[in-house]
Amino acid sequence: MNIYVGNLSYKMTKEELEATFAPYGAVKSAKIVTDRENHNRSKGFGFVEMESEEAGNRAISELDGKEIGGRALRVNEARPKS
């Protein structure tokens, strides 16, 4: 299951994002989207792919609105680009 994670702290690393989701199940991948012009600057959102839909749904319900790094996360199932 692919999950969108918004309102991330600009200082959060890929490893920290992965560690945030790990308690809910196996994380296949974690990615923080960065600015094309300035590759080191986070855009404040990313994606996490969970092994199972069950783990993904549990992570979404537990982490949506949770404050991490001084910001309330927005967490929901990622929708394909239209």
PDB file of N, CA and C in Angstrom:
ATOM      1  N   MET A   1       0.848  -1.186   0.000  1.00  0.00           N
ATOM      2  CA  MET A   1       0.000   0.000   0.000  1.00  0.00           C
ATOM      3  C   MET A   1       0.887   1.241   0.000  1.00  0.00           C
ATOM      4  N   ASN A   2       0.572   2.177  -0.876  1.00  0.00           N
ATOM      5  CA  ASN A   2       1.343   3.414  -0.982  1.00  0.00           C
ATOM      6  C   ASN A   2       0.627   4.517  -0.206  1.00  0.00           C
ATOM      7  N   ILE A   3       1.374   5.208   0.652  1.00  0.00           N
ATOM      8  CA  ILE A   3       0.796   6.200   1.554  1.00  0.00           C
ATOM      9  C   ILE A   3       1.427   7.566   1.312  1.00  0.00           C
ATOM     10  N   TYR A   4       0.581   8.581   1.213  1.00  0.00           N
ATOM     11  CA  TYR A   4       1.035   9.974   1.108  1.00  0.00           C
ATOM     12  C   TYR A   4       1.201  10.521   2.524  1.00  0.00           C
ATOM     13  N   VAL A   5       2.307  11.200   2.774  1.00  0.00           N
ATOM     14  CA  VAL A   5       2.558  11.818   4.074  1.00  0.00           C
ATOM     15  C   VAL A   5       2.860  13.298   3.835  1.00  0.00           C
ATOM     16  N   GLY A   6       1.981  14.162   4.302  1.00  0.00           N
ATOM     17  CA  GLY A   6       2.149  15.593   4.094  1.00  0.00           C
ATOM     18  C   GLY A   6       2.429  16.329   5.382  1.00  0.00           C
ATOM     19  N   ASN A   7       2.826  17.580   5.236  1.00  0.00           N
ATOM     20  CA  ASN A   7       3.133  18.483   6.349  1.00  0.00           C
ATOM     21  C   ASN A   7       4.317  17.984   7.172  1.00  0.00           C
ATOM     22  N   LEU A   8       5.289  17.394   6.492  1.00  0.00           N
ATOM     23  CA  LEU A   8       6.508  16.919   7.173  1.00  0.00           C
ATOM     24  C   LEU A   8       7.399  18.095   7.545  1.00  0.00           C
ATOM     25  N   SER A   9       8.139  17.919   8.614  1.00  0.00           N
ATOM     26  CA  SER A   9       9.179  18.883   8.961  1.00  0.00           C
ATOM     27  C   SER A   9      10.212  18.879   7.825  1.00  0.00           C
ATOM     28  N   TYR A  10      10.707  20.059   7.464  1.00  0.00           N
ATOM     29  CA  TYR A  10      11.695  20.139   6.383  1.00  0.00           C
ATOM     30  C   TYR A  10      13.015  19.487   6.775  1.00  0.00           C
ATOM     31  N   LYS A  11      13.204  19.229   8.063  1.00  0.00           N
ATOM     32  CA  LYS A  11      14.441  18.607   8.543  1.00  0.00           C
ATOM     33  C   LYS A  11      14.350  17.079   8.597  1.00  0.00           C
ATOM     34  N   MET A  12      13.145  16.526   8.424  1.00  0.00           N
ATOM     35  CA  MET A  12      12.979  15.076   8.539  1.00  0.00           C
ATOM     36  C   MET A  12      13.742  14.352   7.430  1.00  0.00           C
ATOM     37  N   THR A  13      14.403  13.248   7.818  1.00  0.00           N
ATOM     38  CA  THR A  13      15.154  12.442   6.851  1.00  0.00           C
ATOM     39  C   THR A  13      14.318  11.243   6.416  1.00  0.00           C
ATOM     40  N   LYS A  14      14.756  10.632   5.341  1.00  0.00           N
ATOM     41  CA  LYS A  14      14.118   9.413   4.828  1.00  0.00           C
ATOM     42  C   LYS A  14      14.125   8.324   5.920  1.00  0.00           C
ATOM     43  N   GLU A  15      15.234   8.229   6.641  1.00  0.00           N
ATOM     44  CA  GLU A  15      15.357   7.213   7.699  1.00  0.00           C
ATOM     45  C   GLU A  15      14.373   7.478   8.839  1.00  0.00           C
ATOM     46  N   GLU A  16      14.204   8.752   9.195  1.00  0.00           N
ATOM     47  CA  GLU A  16      13.252   9.097  10.257  1.00  0.00           C
ATOM     48  C   GLU A  16      11.819   8.813   9.814  1.00  0.00           C
ATOM     49  N   LEU A  17      11.531   9.078   8.556  1.00  0.00           N
ATOM     50  CA  LEU A  17      10.193   8.790   8.024  1.00  0.00           C
ATOM     51  C   LEU A  17       9.919   7.294   8.080  1.00  0.00           C
ATOM     52  N   GLU A  18      10.895   6.504   7.661  1.00  0.00           N
ATOM     53  CA  GLU A  18      10.763   5.051   7.703  1.00  0.00           C
ATOM     54  C   GLU A  18      10.558   4.567   9.144  1.00  0.00           C
ATOM     55  N   ALA A  19      11.333   5.110  10.072  1.00  0.00           N
ATOM     56  CA  ALA A  19      11.232   4.715  11.485  1.00  0.00           C
ATOM     57  C   ALA A  19       9.877   5.093  12.086  1.00  0.00           C
ATOM     58  N   THR A  20       9.266   6.168  11.593  1.00  0.00           N
ATOM     59  CA  THR A  20       7.952   6.592  12.086  1.00  0.00           C
ATOM     60  C   THR A  20       6.889   5.559  11.728  1.00  0.00           C
ATOM     61  N   PHE A  21       7.021   4.936  10.560  1.00  0.00           N
ATOM     62  CA  PHE A  21       6.021   3.973  10.087  1.00  0.00           C
ATOM     63  C   PHE A  21       6.321   2.531  10.485  1.00  0.00           C
ATOM     64  N   ALA A  22       7.576   2.227  10.820  1.00  0.00           N
ATOM     65  CA  ALA A  22       7.995   0.853  11.125  1.00  0.00           C
ATOM     66  C   ALA A  22       7.188   0.165  12.231  1.00  0.00           C
ATOM     67  N   PRO A  23       6.765   0.875  13.301  1.00  0.00           N
ATOM     68  CA  PRO A  23       6.001   0.174  14.340  1.00  0.00           C
ATOM     69  C   PRO A  23       4.662  -0.415  13.860  1.00  0.00           C
ATOM     70  N   TYR A  24       4.193   0.017  12.701  1.00  0.00           N
ATOM     71  CA  TYR A  24       2.887  -0.440  12.208  1.00  0.00           C
ATOM     72  C   TYR A  24       2.985  -1.598  11.239  1.00  0.00           C
ATOM     73  N   GLY A  25       4.200  -1.941  10.829  1.00  0.00           N
ATOM     74  CA  GLY A  25       4.387  -3.060   9.909  1.00  0.00           C
ATOM     75  C   GLY A  25       5.630  -2.836   9.051  1.00  0.00           C
ATOM     76  N   ALA A  26       5.886  -3.801   8.169  1.00  0.00           N
ATOM     77  CA  ALA A  26       7.079  -3.744   7.328  1.00  0.00           C
ATOM     78  C   ALA A  26       6.973  -2.614   6.306  1.00  0.00           C
ATOM     79  N   VAL A  27       8.021  -1.789   6.245  1.00  0.00           N
ATOM     80  CA  VAL A  27       8.082  -0.671   5.302  1.00  0.00           C
ATOM     81  C   VAL A  27       8.916  -1.111   4.101  1.00  0.00           C
ATOM     82  N   LYS A  28       8.300  -1.103   2.913  1.00  0.00           N
ATOM     83  CA  LYS A  28       9.027  -1.455   1.680  1.00  0.00           C
ATOM     84  C   LYS A  28       9.951  -0.317   1.269  1.00  0.00           C
ATOM     85  N   SER A  29       9.439   0.916   1.322  1.00  0.00           N
ATOM     86  CA  SER A  29      10.250   2.067   0.932  1.00  0.00           C
ATOM     87  C   SER A  29       9.690   3.338   1.553  1.00  0.00           C
ATOM     88  N   ALA A  30      10.573   4.323   1.691  1.00  0.00           N
ATOM     89  CA  ALA A  30      10.177   5.645   2.192  1.00  0.00           C
ATOM     90  C   ALA A  30      10.918   6.667   1.347  1.00  0.00           C
ATOM     91  N   LYS A  31      10.210   7.713   0.941  1.00  0.00           N
ATOM     92  CA  LYS A  31      10.822   8.724   0.076  1.00  0.00           C
ATOM     93  C   LYS A  31      10.300  10.097   0.472  1.00  0.00           C
ATOM     94  N   ILE A  32      11.222  11.047   0.615  1.00  0.00           N
ATOM     95  CA  ILE A  32      10.835  12.433   0.854  1.00  0.00           C
ATOM     96  C   ILE A  32      11.074  13.174  -0.462  1.00  0.00           C
ATOM     97  N   VAL A  33      10.056  13.870  -0.929  1.00  0.00           N
ATOM     98  CA  VAL A  33      10.158  14.588  -2.195  1.00  0.00           C
ATOM     99  C   VAL A  33      10.964  15.867  -1.972  1.00  0.00           C
ATOM    100  N   THR A  34      11.956  16.066  -2.843  1.00  0.00           N
ATOM    101  CA  THR A  34      12.820  17.239  -2.715  1.00  0.00           C
ATOM    102  C   THR A  34      12.646  18.160  -3.920  1.00  0.00           C
ATOM    103  N   ASP A  35      13.010  19.401  -3.722  1.00  0.00           N
ATOM    104  CA  ASP A  35      12.939  20.430  -4.750  1.00  0.00           C
ATOM    105  C   ASP A  35      13.945  20.119  -5.858  1.00  0.00           C
ATOM    106  N   ARG A  36      13.524  20.204  -7.107  1.00  0.00           N
ATOM    107  CA  ARG A  36      14.422  19.923  -8.238  1.00  0.00           C
ATOM    108  C   ARG A  36      15.599  20.879  -8.309  1.00  0.00           C
ATOM    109  N   GLU A  37      15.343  22.158  -8.044  1.00  0.00           N
ATOM    110  CA  GLU A  37      16.420  23.140  -8.122  1.00  0.00           C
ATOM    111  C   GLU A  37      17.430  22.976  -6.984  1.00  0.00           C
ATOM    112  N   ASN A  38      16.917  22.702  -5.801  1.00  0.00           N
ATOM    113  CA  ASN A  38      17.767  22.571  -4.622  1.00  0.00           C
ATOM    114  C   ASN A  38      17.528  21.184  -4.027  1.00  0.00           C
ATOM    115  N   HIS A  39      18.265  20.204  -4.486  1.00  0.00           N
ATOM    116  CA  HIS A  39      18.011  18.803  -4.154  1.00  0.00           C
ATOM    117  C   HIS A  39      18.028  18.484  -2.662  1.00  0.00           C
ATOM    118  N   ASN A  40      18.649  19.327  -1.874  1.00  0.00           N
ATOM    119  CA  ASN A  40      18.713  19.050  -0.440  1.00  0.00           C
ATOM    120  C   ASN A  40      17.482  19.544   0.301  1.00  0.00           C
ATOM    121  N   ARG A  41      16.667  20.367  -0.323  1.00  0.00           N
ATOM    122  CA  ARG A  41      15.524  20.971   0.366  1.00  0.00           C
ATOM    123  C   ARG A  41      14.269  20.131   0.180  1.00  0.00           C
ATOM    124  N   SER A  42      13.725  19.662   1.298  1.00  0.00           N
ATOM    125  CA  SER A  42      12.486  18.895   1.280  1.00  0.00           C
ATOM    126  C   SER A  42      11.329  19.791   0.873  1.00  0.00           C
ATOM    127  N   LYS A  43      10.363  19.215   0.173  1.00  0.00           N
ATOM    128  CA  LYS A  43       9.149  19.949  -0.172  1.00  0.00           C
ATOM    129  C   LYS A  43       8.084  19.790   0.922  1.00  0.00           C
ATOM    130  N   GLY A  44       8.417  19.026   1.969  1.00  0.00           N
ATOM    131  CA  GLY A  44       7.485  18.882   3.095  1.00  0.00           C
ATOM    132  C   GLY A  44       6.470  17.764   2.938  1.00  0.00           C
ATOM    133  N   PHE A  45       6.701  16.883   1.955  1.00  0.00           N
ATOM    134  CA  PHE A  45       5.835  15.715   1.836  1.00  0.00           C
ATOM    135  C   PHE A  45       6.618  14.543   1.271  1.00  0.00           C
ATOM    136  N   GLY A  46       6.044  13.367   1.409  1.00  0.00           N
ATOM    137  CA  GLY A  46       6.724  12.179   0.915  1.00  0.00           C
ATOM    138  C   GLY A  46       5.763  11.019   0.781  1.00  0.00           C
ATOM    139  N   PHE A  47       6.321   9.854   0.520  1.00  0.00           N
ATOM    140  CA  PHE A  47       5.524   8.649   0.327  1.00  0.00           C
ATOM    141  C   PHE A  47       6.178   7.488   1.064  1.00  0.00           C
ATOM    142  N   VAL A  48       5.330   6.632   1.629  1.00  0.00           N
ATOM    143  CA  VAL A  48       5.811   5.431   2.302  1.00  0.00           C
ATOM    144  C   VAL A  48       5.044   4.260   1.706  1.00  0.00           C
ATOM    145  N   GLU A  49       5.765   3.212   1.330  1.00  0.00           N
ATOM    146  CA  GLU A  49       5.106   2.014   0.830  1.00  0.00           C
ATOM    147  C   GLU A  49       5.196   0.937   1.900  1.00  0.00           C
ATOM    148  N   MET A  50       4.038   0.452   2.307  1.00  0.00           N
ATOM    149  CA  MET A  50       3.964  -0.587   3.340  1.00  0.00           C
ATOM    150  C   MET A  50       3.763  -1.942   2.666  1.00  0.00           C
ATOM    151  N   GLU A  51       4.278  -3.007   3.294  1.00  0.00           N
ATOM    152  CA  GLU A  51       4.155  -4.365   2.761  1.00  0.00           C
ATOM    153  C   GLU A  51       2.690  -4.781   2.606  1.00  0.00           C
ATOM    154  N   SER A  52       1.877  -4.500   3.632  1.00  0.00           N
ATOM    155  CA  SER A  52       0.488  -4.961   3.592  1.00  0.00           C
ATOM    156  C   SER A  52      -0.488  -3.799   3.717  1.00  0.00           C
ATOM    157  N   GLU A  53      -1.680  -4.018   3.178  1.00  0.00           N
ATOM    158  CA  GLU A  53      -2.734  -3.009   3.261  1.00  0.00           C
ATOM    159  C   GLU A  53      -3.165  -2.818   4.717  1.00  0.00           C
ATOM    160  N   GLU A  54      -3.185  -3.914   5.470  1.00  0.00           N
ATOM    161  CA  GLU A  54      -3.568  -3.855   6.888  1.00  0.00           C
ATOM    162  C   GLU A  54      -2.620  -2.937   7.664  1.00  0.00           C
ATOM    163  N   ALA A  55      -1.317  -3.117   7.461  1.00  0.00           N
ATOM    164  CA  ALA A  55      -0.322  -2.276   8.135  1.00  0.00           C
ATOM    165  C   ALA A  55      -0.466  -0.823   7.692  1.00  0.00           C
ATOM    166  N   GLY A  56      -0.707  -0.626   6.408  1.00  0.00           N
ATOM    167  CA  GLY A  56      -0.886   0.720   5.876  1.00  0.00           C
ATOM    168  C   GLY A  56      -2.087   1.416   6.488  1.00  0.00           C
ATOM    169  N   ASN A  57      -3.204   0.716   6.567  1.00  0.00           N
ATOM    170  CA  ASN A  57      -4.415   1.303   7.156  1.00  0.00           C
ATOM    171  C   ASN A  57      -4.227   1.631   8.626  1.00  0.00           C
ATOM    172  N   ARG A  58      -3.513   0.766   9.340  1.00  0.00           N
ATOM    173  CA  ARG A  58      -3.240   1.002  10.763  1.00  0.00           C
ATOM    174  C   ARG A  58      -2.360   2.246  10.918  1.00  0.00           C
ATOM    175  N   ALA A  59      -1.325   2.368  10.080  1.00  0.00           N
ATOM    176  CA  ALA A  59      -0.430   3.529  10.132  1.00  0.00           C
ATOM    177  C   ALA A  59      -1.198   4.810   9.824  1.00  0.00           C
ATOM    178  N   ILE A  60      -2.066   4.772   8.820  1.00  0.00           N
ATOM    179  CA  ILE A  60      -2.861   5.948   8.453  1.00  0.00           C
ATOM    180  C   ILE A  60      -3.730   6.382   9.635  1.00  0.00           C
ATOM    181  N   SER A  61      -4.440   5.442  10.239  1.00  0.00           N
ATOM    182  CA  SER A  61      -5.351   5.816  11.329  1.00  0.00           C
ATOM    183  C   SER A  61      -4.600   6.306  12.564  1.00  0.00           C
ATOM    184  N   GLU A  62      -3.409   5.766  12.823  1.00  0.00           N
ATOM    185  CA  GLU A  62      -2.641   6.171  14.006  1.00  0.00           C
ATOM    186  C   GLU A  62      -1.845   7.463  13.799  1.00  0.00           C
ATOM    187  N   LEU A  63      -1.350   7.685  12.578  1.00  0.00           N
ATOM    188  CA  LEU A  63      -0.428   8.800  12.358  1.00  0.00           C
ATOM    189  C   LEU A  63      -1.076  10.063  11.788  1.00  0.00           C
ATOM    190  N   ASP A  64      -2.263   9.953  11.182  1.00  0.00           N
ATOM    191  CA  ASP A  64      -2.901  11.148  10.618  1.00  0.00           C
ATOM    192  C   ASP A  64      -3.219  12.124  11.744  1.00  0.00           C
ATOM    193  N   GLY A  65      -2.674  13.328  11.652  1.00  0.00           N
ATOM    194  CA  GLY A  65      -2.895  14.354  12.669  1.00  0.00           C
ATOM    195  C   GLY A  65      -1.896  14.318  13.816  1.00  0.00           C
ATOM    196  N   LYS A  66      -1.058  13.270  13.871  1.00  0.00           N
ATOM    197  CA  LYS A  66      -0.058  13.161  14.943  1.00  0.00           C
ATOM    198  C   LYS A  66       1.040  14.205  14.735  1.00  0.00           C
ATOM    199  N   GLU A  67       1.443  14.852  15.824  1.00  0.00           N
ATOM    200  CA  GLU A  67       2.482  15.878  15.725  1.00  0.00           C
ATOM    201  C   GLU A  67       3.868  15.251  15.810  1.00  0.00           C
ATOM    202  N   ILE A  68       4.655  15.487  14.777  1.00  0.00           N
ATOM    203  CA  ILE A  68       6.042  15.009  14.727  1.00  0.00           C
ATOM    204  C   ILE A  68       6.891  16.151  14.206  1.00  0.00           C
ATOM    205  N   GLY A  69       7.944  16.478  14.928  1.00  0.00           N
ATOM    206  CA  GLY A  69       8.808  17.577  14.529  1.00  0.00           C
ATOM    207  C   GLY A  69       8.095  18.924  14.550  1.00  0.00           C
ATOM    208  N   GLY A  70       7.108  19.052  15.435  1.00  0.00           N
ATOM    209  CA  GLY A  70       6.387  20.315  15.571  1.00  0.00           C
ATOM    210  C   GLY A  70       5.308  20.540  14.519  1.00  0.00           C
ATOM    211  N   ARG A  71       5.008  19.506  13.715  1.00  0.00           N
ATOM    212  CA  ARG A  71       3.988  19.642  12.670  1.00  0.00           C
ATOM    213  C   ARG A  71       3.030  18.464  12.711  1.00  0.00           C
ATOM    214  N   ALA A  72       1.740  18.739  12.513  1.00  0.00           N
ATOM    215  CA  ALA A  72       0.722  17.673  12.486  1.00  0.00           C
ATOM    216  C   ALA A  72       0.732  17.027  11.105  1.00  0.00           C
ATOM    217  N   LEU A  73       1.064  15.734  11.067  1.00  0.00           N
ATOM    218  CA  LEU A  73       1.147  15.025   9.793  1.00  0.00           C
ATOM    219  C   LEU A  73      -0.217  14.881   9.136  1.00  0.00           C
ATOM    220  N   ARG A  74      -0.223  14.899   7.815  1.00  0.00           N
ATOM    221  CA  ARG A  74      -1.409  14.537   7.035  1.00  0.00           C
ATOM    222  C   ARG A  74      -1.051  13.221   6.348  1.00  0.00           C
ATOM    223  N   VAL A  75      -1.786  12.166   6.704  1.00  0.00           N
ATOM    224  CA  VAL A  75      -1.447  10.837   6.221  1.00  0.00           C
ATOM    225  C   VAL A  75      -2.690  10.204   5.600  1.00  0.00           C
ATOM    226  N   ASN A  76      -2.577   9.807   4.339  1.00  0.00           N
ATOM    227  CA  ASN A  76      -3.691   9.085   3.697  1.00  0.00           C
ATOM    228  C   ASN A  76      -3.165   8.230   2.549  1.00  0.00           C
ATOM    229  N   GLU A  77      -4.052   7.408   2.014  1.00  0.00           N
ATOM    230  CA  GLU A  77      -3.644   6.537   0.921  1.00  0.00           C
ATOM    231  C   GLU A  77      -3.300   7.395  -0.293  1.00  0.00           C
ATOM    232  N   ALA A  78      -2.153   7.110  -0.896  1.00  0.00           N
ATOM    233  CA  ALA A  78      -1.720   7.880  -2.064  1.00  0.00           C
ATOM    234  C   ALA A  78      -2.611   7.538  -3.244  1.00  0.00           C
ATOM    235  N   ARG A  79      -2.988   8.570  -3.979  1.00  0.00           N
ATOM    236  CA  ARG A  79      -3.786   8.367  -5.181  1.00  0.00           C
ATOM    237  C   ARG A  79      -2.879   8.557  -6.400  1.00  0.00           C
ATOM    238  N   PRO A  80      -3.081   7.740  -7.423  1.00  0.00           N
ATOM    239  CA  PRO A  80      -2.239   7.906  -8.618  1.00  0.00           C
ATOM    240  C   PRO A  80      -2.437   9.282  -9.238  1.00  0.00           C
ATOM    241  N   LYS A  81      -1.389   9.804  -9.866  1.00  0.00           N
ATOM    242  CA  LYS A  81      -1.495  11.097 -10.558  1.00  0.00           C
ATOM    243  C   LYS A  81      -2.541  10.982 -11.652  1.00  0.00           C
ATOM    244  N   SER A  82      -3.362  12.022 -11.793  1.00  0.00           N
ATOM    245  CA  SER A  82      -4.380  11.964 -12.849  1.00  0.00           C
ATOM    246  C   SER A  82      -3.913  12.680 -14.102  1.00  0.00           C
TER     247      SER A  82
END
